[in-house]
Protein backbone atom coordinates (compact mmCIF):
# COMPACT_ATOMS: atom_id res chain seq x y z
CA MET A 1 16.20 -1.82 -1.99
CA THR A 2 14.59 -0.97 1.68
CA LYS A 3 11.64 -3.65 2.40
CA GLU A 4 9.89 -1.31 4.96
CA ILE A 5 9.35 2.13 6.54
CA TRP A 6 8.60 2.90 9.91
CA LEU A 7 7.54 6.33 11.64
CA ASN A 8 8.68 7.20 15.00
CA LEU A 9 7.05 9.72 16.99
CA PRO A 10 7.91 11.16 20.47
CA VAL A 11 5.24 10.91 23.14
CA ASN A 12 4.66 11.79 26.78
CA ASN A 13 3.12 8.69 28.12
CA ILE A 14 3.22 5.26 26.37
CA GLN A 15 -0.35 3.91 28.31
CA THR A 16 -2.05 6.67 27.24
CA THR A 17 -0.78 6.73 23.37
CA THR A 18 -1.64 2.62 24.09
CA ASP A 19 -5.10 2.91 25.13
CA PHE A 20 -5.81 5.93 22.69
CA PHE A 21 -4.54 4.32 19.43
CA LYS A 22 -5.95 0.70 20.55
CA LYS A 23 -9.62 2.95 21.06
CA ILE A 24 -9.36 4.25 17.63
CA GLY A 25 -8.73 0.74 15.77
CA PHE A 26 -4.60 0.35 15.90
CA THR A 27 -3.18 -2.77 15.80
CA VAL A 28 -0.40 -3.41 18.42
CA ASN A 29 2.71 -4.71 16.32
CA THR A 30 3.33 -8.25 18.52
CA ASN A 31 6.93 -8.20 16.62
CA ALA A 32 8.27 -5.15 18.22
CA PRO A 33 8.82 -5.20 22.18
CA GLN A 34 6.69 -3.23 24.39
CA SER A 35 7.52 -1.28 27.58
CA ASP A 36 7.37 1.55 29.22
CA THR A 37 9.31 3.31 26.84
CA MET A 38 7.95 2.00 23.74
CA VAL A 39 4.88 0.87 21.78
CA SER A 40 4.53 -0.03 18.17
CA PHE A 41 1.42 -0.31 16.27
CA LYS A 42 0.61 -1.96 12.78
CA ILE A 43 -1.80 0.48 10.81
CA GLY A 44 -3.65 -0.49 7.59
CA GLN A 45 -3.73 -3.51 5.11
CA LYS A 46 -0.15 -3.32 4.37
CA ASP A 47 0.75 -2.94 8.23
CA PHE A 48 2.64 0.31 7.99
CA ILE A 49 4.15 0.46 11.54
CA VAL A 50 4.15 3.70 13.83
CA ASN A 51 6.48 3.07 16.80
CA PHE A 52 6.01 5.75 19.96
CA PHE A 53 8.63 6.45 22.25
CA THR A 54 8.68 8.53 25.31
CA ILE A 55 10.44 11.89 24.55
CA GLU A 56 13.85 10.77 26.51
CA VAL A 57 14.47 7.76 24.38
CA PHE A 58 13.19 9.71 21.20
CA LYS A 59 15.57 12.33 22.48
CA SER A 60 18.17 9.38 22.20
CA PHE A 61 17.85 8.89 18.79
CA THR A 62 18.54 12.74 17.13
CA ASN A 63 20.63 15.75 18.04
CA PHE A 64 17.54 17.70 16.86
CA LYS A 65 15.36 19.71 19.30
CA ILE A 66 11.62 17.79 18.86
CA ALA A 67 9.25 20.26 17.80
CA GLU A 68 6.74 21.92 19.90
CA LEU A 69 3.55 20.85 18.27
CA ASP A 70 1.04 22.95 19.93
CA ASN A 71 -0.01 25.31 17.02
CA ALA A 72 2.38 23.90 14.64
CA THR A 73 2.89 20.24 12.90
CA SER A 74 6.08 18.99 11.30
CA CYS A 75 3.98 16.66 8.93
CA LEU A 76 0.55 15.44 8.37
CA ILE A 77 0.11 11.84 8.66
CA SER A 78 -2.47 10.41 6.62
CA ILE A 79 -4.91 7.21 6.63
CA ASP A 80 -6.50 5.56 4.09
CA ALA A 81 -10.25 4.97 4.33
CA GLU A 82 -12.66 2.73 2.65
CA SER A 83 -15.44 5.21 2.71
CA ARG A 84 -16.99 8.36 3.69
CA ASN A 85 -18.34 6.86 6.78
CA GLU A 86 -15.05 5.19 7.83
CA VAL A 87 -13.82 8.81 8.11
CA ASP A 88 -15.94 9.62 10.07
CA GLU A 89 -16.20 6.66 12.29
CA ILE A 90 -12.52 7.32 12.79
CA LEU A 91 -12.79 10.66 13.52
CA ASP A 92 -15.49 10.18 16.17
CA SER A 93 -13.60 7.50 17.72
CA ALA A 94 -10.26 9.36 17.96
CA ALA A 95 -12.63 12.25 19.62
CA ALA A 96 -13.91 9.86 21.70
CA ALA A 97 -10.49 8.68 22.83
CA GLY A 98 -9.41 12.29 23.50
CA ALA A 99 -7.93 13.55 20.32
CA THR A 100 -8.94 17.19 19.20
CA ILE A 101 -10.52 17.15 15.92
CA TYR A 102 -9.23 19.88 13.68
CA ALA A 103 -11.25 19.40 10.44
CA LYS A 104 -14.60 17.50 10.21
CA GLY A 105 -15.24 15.53 7.28
CA GLY A 106 -16.15 16.92 4.32
CA GLU A 107 -15.64 16.94 1.06
CA LYS A 108 -12.74 18.54 -1.41
CA ASP A 109 -12.14 18.31 -4.98
CA GLY A 110 -15.21 16.98 -5.88
CA TRP A 111 -13.35 13.17 -5.12
CA MET A 112 -12.00 13.31 -1.93
CA TYR A 113 -13.49 13.07 1.67
CA GLY A 114 -11.88 13.56 4.83
CA GLY A 115 -11.29 15.38 7.81
CA GLY A 116 -8.34 15.81 10.63
CA PHE A 117 -7.24 14.83 14.36
CA THR A 118 -4.70 15.69 16.51
CA ASP A 119 -3.42 13.42 18.72
CA LEU A 120 -2.65 13.27 22.57
CA ASN A 121 0.76 14.00 21.78
CA GLY A 122 0.20 17.16 19.14
CA HIS A 123 0.46 14.74 16.41
CA LYS A 124 -1.63 15.55 13.16
CA TRP A 125 -3.47 12.97 11.24
CA ASN A 126 -5.74 13.36 8.18
CA VAL A 127 -8.09 10.45 7.53
CA LEU A 128 -9.14 10.49 3.81
CA PHE A 129 -11.51 8.24 1.57
CA MET A 130 -10.31 9.15 -1.92
CA ASP A 131 -12.77 7.85 -4.90
CA PHE A 132 -10.79 8.10 -8.07
CA SER A 133 -12.95 7.72 -10.57
CA LYS A 134 -14.53 11.40 -9.80
CA PHE A 135 -10.88 12.55 -10.09
CA LYS A 136 -10.56 15.07 -12.68
């Protein structure tokens, strides 16, 4: 059985990516190497790993074409929030760091509150607070 799962994403510039994700509260993964071609972050209480690689390095991992994300998405990366306020705080931090907010914080289906942003490289992030006591 696997021990961990990592998300690997291509980016244009490691330093701007590092600065952006530090500003929204991600923690640099000090167990991974940091260089001008890679940065790794831990997210959440369970330390989910997200690795960012320059496009050149990322291309060396696969023969597939890297998706153009300007007006598309290949996946939606979701982040769990502790409260509605935390959703809004993360969205505000992302916007202040240069992200585009594609969905402002709002309620959905009576038990979820969330919104979303596009990071500096076009990856789409969803931030959600889920109140399962209201789930029907």
